[in-house]
């Protein structure tokens, strides 16, 4: 006969066979060969009082919620990171807003100012009829336009990061059920 050694929550701690083992720890539950095989085949971790096996999440609600929040945090950060990397529209141009592009734009503005130029060149995408061109091109922009692009980019990044932070804070308040159904 197969015997499941369990704890007080019926969590499976080990298997014993009465024809092999003389000392079988308690608490335990006798199970049929079929129930034992079902448990082994399906990697069950709980044996009910009637001997039926099941897969059960023994974590406490706080652990389950923490795990879900961490998983969703990663998805949120990826989503908003992709938004920032993708960029924003400025007039008939599409400007990528990764930190490197913002840093390069800031340096370009400083260079144009330092040289006393009224126009500087900047590499970006053409954006016409809601379609971004396939390749970046170099376009001339006035110093004022370059500063506006930088300002719009900074506001876009700040706004996106604030939305990300707000969402990260709000998910901590959700129930486990709402976290399990959360979509971004």
C-alpha atoms as a PDB file:
ATOM      1  CA  UNK A   1       0.000   0.000   0.000  1.00  0.00           C
ATOM      2  CA  UNK A   2       1.233   3.521  -0.824  1.00  0.00           C
ATOM      3  CA  UNK A   3       1.287   6.051   1.977  1.00  0.00           C
ATOM      4  CA  UNK A   4       1.681   9.820   1.621  1.00  0.00           C
ATOM      5  CA  UNK A   5       3.552  11.570   4.409  1.00  0.00           C
ATOM      6  CA  UNK A   6       1.927  15.001   4.748  1.00  0.00           C
ATOM      7  CA  UNK A   7       2.023  18.020   7.045  1.00  0.00           C
ATOM      8  CA  UNK A   8      -0.954  19.601   8.812  1.00  0.00           C
ATOM      9  CA  UNK A   9      -1.941  21.416   5.573  1.00  0.00           C
ATOM     10  CA  UNK A  10      -1.843  18.139   3.621  1.00  0.00           C
ATOM     11  CA  UNK A  11       1.313  19.238   1.827  1.00  0.00           C
ATOM     12  CA  UNK A  12       3.061  16.156   0.458  1.00  0.00           C
ATOM     13  CA  UNK A  13       6.378  15.547   2.222  1.00  0.00           C
ATOM     14  CA  UNK A  14       7.213  12.110   0.845  1.00  0.00           C
ATOM     15  CA  UNK A  15       6.032   8.710  -0.294  1.00  0.00           C
ATOM     16  CA  UNK A  16       6.256   5.411   1.549  1.00  0.00           C
ATOM     17  CA  UNK A  17       5.302   1.856   0.716  1.00  0.00           C
ATOM     18  CA  UNK A  18       4.086  -0.336   3.610  1.00  0.00           C
ATOM     19  CA  UNK A  19       5.675  -3.410   2.002  1.00  0.00           C
ATOM     20  CA  UNK A  20       9.101  -1.725   2.024  1.00  0.00           C
ATOM     21  CA  UNK A  21       9.129   0.739   4.932  1.00  0.00           C
ATOM     22  CA  UNK A  22       8.675  -0.296   8.566  1.00  0.00           C
ATOM     23  CA  UNK A  23       8.702   3.217  10.095  1.00  0.00           C
ATOM     24  CA  UNK A  24       6.325   5.614   8.366  1.00  0.00           C
ATOM     25  CA  UNK A  25       6.126   9.145   9.764  1.00  0.00           C
ATOM     26  CA  UNK A  26       2.856  10.790  10.715  1.00  0.00           C
ATOM     27  CA  UNK A  27       0.663  12.431   9.757  1.00  0.00           C
ATOM     28  CA  UNK A  28       0.056  10.286   6.704  1.00  0.00           C
ATOM     29  CA  UNK A  29      -2.705   9.202   4.359  1.00  0.00           C
ATOM     30  CA  UNK A  30      -3.129   5.823   2.675  1.00  0.00           C
ATOM     31  CA  UNK A  31      -3.717   6.121  -1.047  1.00  0.00           C
ATOM     32  CA  UNK A  32      -4.533   3.712  -3.842  1.00  0.00           C
ATOM     33  CA  UNK A  33      -1.896   2.783  -6.383  1.00  0.00           C
ATOM     34  CA  UNK A  34      -3.856   4.834  -8.953  1.00  0.00           C
ATOM     35  CA  UNK A  35      -3.889   7.932  -6.699  1.00  0.00           C
ATOM     36  CA  UNK A  36      -0.156   7.508  -6.047  1.00  0.00           C
ATOM     37  CA  UNK A  37       0.538   7.160  -9.814  1.00  0.00           C
ATOM     38  CA  UNK A  38      -1.652  10.196 -10.588  1.00  0.00           C
ATOM     39  CA  UNK A  39       0.269  12.229  -8.010  1.00  0.00           C
ATOM     40  CA  UNK A  40       3.647  11.154  -9.405  1.00  0.00           C
ATOM     41  CA  UNK A  41       2.614  11.666 -13.039  1.00  0.00           C
ATOM     42  CA  UNK A  42       1.197  15.154 -12.422  1.00  0.00           C
ATOM     43  CA  UNK A  43       3.810  16.296  -9.902  1.00  0.00           C
ATOM     44  CA  UNK A  44       1.144  16.964  -7.274  1.00  0.00           C
ATOM     45  CA  UNK A  45       2.183  18.532  -4.002  1.00  0.00           C
ATOM     46  CA  UNK A  46      -0.951  18.017  -1.892  1.00  0.00           C
ATOM     47  CA  UNK A  47      -2.842  14.884  -0.892  1.00  0.00           C
ATOM     48  CA  UNK A  48      -6.429  15.414   0.241  1.00  0.00           C
ATOM     49  CA  UNK A  49      -7.968  13.439   3.107  1.00  0.00           C
ATOM     50  CA  UNK A  50      -9.647  11.090   0.620  1.00  0.00           C
ATOM     51  CA  UNK A  51      -6.271  10.377  -1.020  1.00  0.00           C
ATOM     52  CA  UNK A  52      -6.874  12.426  -4.147  1.00  0.00           C
ATOM     53  CA  UNK A  53      -3.801  14.354  -5.262  1.00  0.00           C
ATOM     54  CA  UNK A  54      -3.751  17.970  -6.406  1.00  0.00           C
ATOM     55  CA  UNK A  55      -1.425  20.761  -7.388  1.00  0.00           C
ATOM     56  CA  UNK A  56      -1.806  23.481  -4.799  1.00  0.00           C
ATOM     57  CA  UNK A  57      -0.201  26.884  -4.271  1.00  0.00           C
ATOM     58  CA  UNK A  58       0.852  26.880  -0.619  1.00  0.00           C
ATOM     59  CA  UNK A  59       2.157  30.419  -0.685  1.00  0.00           C
ATOM     60  CA  UNK A  60       0.326  32.886   1.509  1.00  0.00           C
ATOM     61  CA  UNK A  61      -1.652  35.663  -0.197  1.00  0.00           C
ATOM     62  CA  UNK A  62       1.090  38.201   0.525  1.00  0.00           C
ATOM     63  CA  UNK A  63       3.640  36.037  -1.310  1.00  0.00           C
ATOM     64  CA  UNK A  64       1.299  35.478  -4.249  1.00  0.00           C
ATOM     65  CA  UNK A  65       0.552  39.201  -4.475  1.00  0.00           C
ATOM     66  CA  UNK A  66       4.244  40.087  -4.208  1.00  0.00           C
ATOM     67  CA  UNK A  67       5.093  37.668  -7.006  1.00  0.00           C
ATOM     68  CA  UNK A  68       2.319  39.051  -9.245  1.00  0.00           C
ATOM     69  CA  UNK A  69       3.329  42.666  -8.526  1.00  0.00           C
ATOM     70  CA  UNK A  70       6.962  41.891  -9.422  1.00  0.00           C
ATOM     71  CA  UNK A  71       5.902  40.208 -12.653  1.00  0.00           C
ATOM     72  CA  UNK A  72       3.655  43.129 -13.608  1.00  0.00           C
ATOM     73  CA  UNK A  73       6.335  45.677 -12.617  1.00  0.00           C
ATOM     74  CA  UNK A  74       8.625  44.115 -15.221  1.00  0.00           C
ATOM     75  CA  UNK A  75       5.916  44.300 -17.887  1.00  0.00           C
ATOM     76  CA  UNK A  76       5.131  47.936 -17.020  1.00  0.00           C
ATOM     77  CA  UNK A  77       8.786  48.991 -17.109  1.00  0.00           C
ATOM     78  CA  UNK A  78       9.261  47.241 -20.450  1.00  0.00           C
ATOM     79  CA  UNK A  79       6.129  48.862 -21.873  1.00  0.00           C
ATOM     80  CA  UNK A  80       7.044  52.397 -20.819  1.00  0.00           C
ATOM     81  CA  UNK A  81      10.695  51.883 -21.739  1.00  0.00           C
ATOM     82  CA  UNK A  82       9.579  50.918 -25.230  1.00  0.00           C
ATOM     83  CA  UNK A  83       7.368  54.026 -25.411  1.00  0.00           C
ATOM     84  CA  UNK A  84      10.296  56.264 -24.522  1.00  0.00           C
ATOM     85  CA  UNK A  85      12.622  54.465 -26.936  1.00  0.00           C
ATOM     86  CA  UNK A  86      10.073  54.731 -29.752  1.00  0.00           C
ATOM     87  CA  UNK A  87       9.809  58.501 -29.462  1.00  0.00           C
ATOM     88  CA  UNK A  88       7.337  61.203 -30.382  1.00  0.00           C
ATOM     89  CA  UNK A  89       6.060  63.324 -33.240  1.00  0.00           C
ATOM     90  CA  UNK A  90       7.391  66.841 -33.733  1.00  0.00           C
ATOM     91  CA  UNK A  91       5.711  68.604 -36.659  1.00  0.00           C
ATOM     92  CA  UNK A  92       6.418  66.415 -39.709  1.00  0.00           C
ATOM     93  CA  UNK A  93       9.261  64.565 -38.000  1.00  0.00           C
ATOM     94  CA  UNK A  94       9.513  61.565 -35.691  1.00  0.00           C
ATOM     95  CA  UNK A  95      12.067  62.052 -32.938  1.00  0.00           C
ATOM     96  CA  UNK A  96      13.483  59.079 -31.051  1.00  0.00           C
ATOM     97  CA  UNK A  97      13.872  59.891 -27.400  1.00  0.00           C
ATOM     98  CA  UNK A  98      16.331  57.401 -25.984  1.00  0.00           C
ATOM     99  CA  UNK A  99      18.666  58.988 -23.457  1.00  0.00           C
ATOM    100  CA  UNK A 100      21.542  58.914 -25.963  1.00  0.00           C
ATOM    101  CA  UNK A 101      19.521  60.856 -28.539  1.00  0.00           C
ATOM    102  CA  UNK A 102      18.512  63.437 -25.928  1.00  0.00           C
ATOM    103  CA  UNK A 103      22.148  63.771 -24.840  1.00  0.00           C
ATOM    104  CA  UNK A 104      23.296  64.108 -28.456  1.00  0.00           C
ATOM    105  CA  UNK A 105      20.630  66.735 -29.129  1.00  0.00           C
ATOM    106  CA  UNK A 106      21.689  68.701 -26.052  1.00  0.00           C
ATOM    107  CA  UNK A 107      25.317  68.639 -27.267  1.00  0.00           C
ATOM    108  CA  UNK A 108      24.205  69.691 -30.753  1.00  0.00           C
ATOM    109  CA  UNK A 109      22.299  72.684 -29.310  1.00  0.00           C
ATOM    110  CA  UNK A 110      25.340  73.682 -27.234  1.00  0.00           C
ATOM    111  CA  UNK A 111      27.552  73.433 -30.332  1.00  0.00           C
ATOM    112  CA  UNK A 112      25.202  75.511 -32.478  1.00  0.00           C
ATOM    113  CA  UNK A 113      25.010  78.162 -29.730  1.00  0.00           C
ATOM    114  CA  UNK A 114      28.757  78.149 -29.166  1.00  0.00           C
ATOM    115  CA  UNK A 115      29.431  78.638 -32.870  1.00  0.00           C
ATOM    116  CA  UNK A 116      26.792  81.351 -33.125  1.00  0.00           C
ATOM    117  CA  UNK A 117      24.876  79.481 -35.814  1.00  0.00           C
ATOM    118  CA  UNK A 118      21.183  79.943 -36.474  1.00  0.00           C
ATOM    119  CA  UNK A 119      20.706  76.486 -37.994  1.00  0.00           C
ATOM    120  CA  UNK A 120      21.879  73.044 -36.882  1.00  0.00           C
ATOM    121  CA  UNK A 121      21.411  69.641 -38.428  1.00  0.00           C
ATOM    122  CA  UNK A 122      19.713  66.795 -36.649  1.00  0.00           C
ATOM    123  CA  UNK A 123      19.149  63.178 -37.673  1.00  0.00           C
ATOM    124  CA  UNK A 124      15.555  61.974 -37.360  1.00  0.00           C
ATOM    125  CA  UNK A 125      12.738  60.324 -39.263  1.00  0.00           C
ATOM    126  CA  UNK A 126      10.341  62.047 -41.621  1.00  0.00           C
ATOM    127  CA  UNK A 127       6.750  61.552 -40.394  1.00  0.00           C
ATOM    128  CA  UNK A 128       4.016  62.087 -42.951  1.00  0.00           C
ATOM    129  CA  UNK A 129       0.410  60.855 -42.877  1.00  0.00           C
ATOM    130  CA  UNK A 130       1.025  59.045 -39.572  1.00  0.00           C
ATOM    131  CA  UNK A 131       3.825  57.020 -41.114  1.00  0.00           C
ATOM    132  CA  UNK A 132       7.432  57.118 -40.019  1.00  0.00           C
ATOM    133  CA  UNK A 133      10.020  56.803 -42.788  1.00  0.00           C
ATOM    134  CA  UNK A 134      12.190  53.691 -42.755  1.00  0.00           C
ATOM    135  CA  UNK A 135      15.489  55.487 -42.256  1.00  0.00           C
ATOM    136  CA  UNK A 136      16.704  58.482 -40.353  1.00  0.00           C
ATOM    137  CA  UNK A 137      17.832  61.451 -42.413  1.00  0.00           C
ATOM    138  CA  UNK A 138      19.682  64.632 -41.543  1.00  0.00           C
ATOM    139  CA  UNK A 139      17.479  67.724 -41.559  1.00  0.00           C
ATOM    140  CA  UNK A 140      18.298  71.372 -40.897  1.00  0.00           C
ATOM    141  CA  UNK A 141      16.535  72.916 -37.885  1.00  0.00           C
ATOM    142  CA  UNK A 142      16.736  76.420 -36.511  1.00  0.00           C
ATOM    143  CA  UNK A 143      18.294  76.765 -33.075  1.00  0.00           C
ATOM    144  CA  UNK A 144      14.837  77.538 -31.703  1.00  0.00           C
ATOM    145  CA  UNK A 145      13.430  74.348 -33.261  1.00  0.00           C
ATOM    146  CA  UNK A 146      16.272  72.264 -31.835  1.00  0.00           C
ATOM    147  CA  UNK A 147      15.551  73.703 -28.391  1.00  0.00           C
ATOM    148  CA  UNK A 148      11.830  72.979 -28.837  1.00  0.00           C
ATOM    149  CA  UNK A 149      12.556  69.394 -29.892  1.00  0.00           C
ATOM    150  CA  UNK A 150      14.714  68.955 -26.805  1.00  0.00           C
ATOM    151  CA  UNK A 151      12.033  70.505 -24.596  1.00  0.00           C
ATOM    152  CA  UNK A 152       9.235  68.386 -26.094  1.00  0.00           C
ATOM    153  CA  UNK A 153      11.426  65.292 -25.701  1.00  0.00           C
ATOM    154  CA  UNK A 154      12.183  66.103 -22.072  1.00  0.00           C
ATOM    155  CA  UNK A 155       8.503  66.705 -21.299  1.00  0.00           C
ATOM    156  CA  UNK A 156       7.575  63.489 -23.141  1.00  0.00           C
ATOM    157  CA  UNK A 157      10.116  61.471 -21.142  1.00  0.00           C
ATOM    158  CA  UNK A 158       9.101  63.074 -17.825  1.00  0.00           C
ATOM    159  CA  UNK A 159       5.394  62.514 -18.533  1.00  0.00           C
ATOM    160  CA  UNK A 160       5.963  58.902 -19.582  1.00  0.00           C
ATOM    161  CA  UNK A 161       8.100  58.183 -16.507  1.00  0.00           C
ATOM    162  CA  UNK A 162       5.434  59.748 -14.270  1.00  0.00           C
ATOM    163  CA  UNK A 163       2.726  57.594 -15.875  1.00  0.00           C
ATOM    164  CA  UNK A 164       4.928  54.552 -15.318  1.00  0.00           C
ATOM    165  CA  UNK A 165       5.480  55.462 -11.648  1.00  0.00           C
ATOM    166  CA  UNK A 166       1.753  56.111 -11.122  1.00  0.00           C
ATOM    167  CA  UNK A 167       0.918  52.715 -12.593  1.00  0.00           C
ATOM    168  CA  UNK A 168       3.596  50.969 -10.500  1.00  0.00           C
ATOM    169  CA  UNK A 169       2.109  52.540  -7.365  1.00  0.00           C
ATOM    170  CA  UNK A 170      -1.501  51.775  -8.326  1.00  0.00           C
ATOM    171  CA  UNK A 171      -0.938  48.066  -8.963  1.00  0.00           C
ATOM    172  CA  UNK A 172       0.189  47.573  -5.365  1.00  0.00           C
ATOM    173  CA  UNK A 173      -3.373  48.448  -4.318  1.00  0.00           C
ATOM    174  CA  UNK A 174      -5.048  45.838  -6.544  1.00  0.00           C
ATOM    175  CA  UNK A 175      -6.484  42.567  -5.284  1.00  0.00           C
ATOM    176  CA  UNK A 176      -4.885  39.268  -6.268  1.00  0.00           C
ATOM    177  CA  UNK A 177      -7.745  38.583  -8.710  1.00  0.00           C
ATOM    178  CA  UNK A 178      -7.300  41.967 -10.405  1.00  0.00           C
ATOM    179  CA  UNK A 179      -3.534  41.439 -10.541  1.00  0.00           C
ATOM    180  CA  UNK A 180      -4.030  38.034 -12.160  1.00  0.00           C
ATOM    181  CA  UNK A 181      -6.223  39.683 -14.841  1.00  0.00           C
ATOM    182  CA  UNK A 182      -4.046  42.783 -15.301  1.00  0.00           C
ATOM    183  CA  UNK A 183      -3.205  43.691 -18.891  1.00  0.00           C
ATOM    184  CA  UNK A 184      -1.029  46.467 -20.216  1.00  0.00           C
END
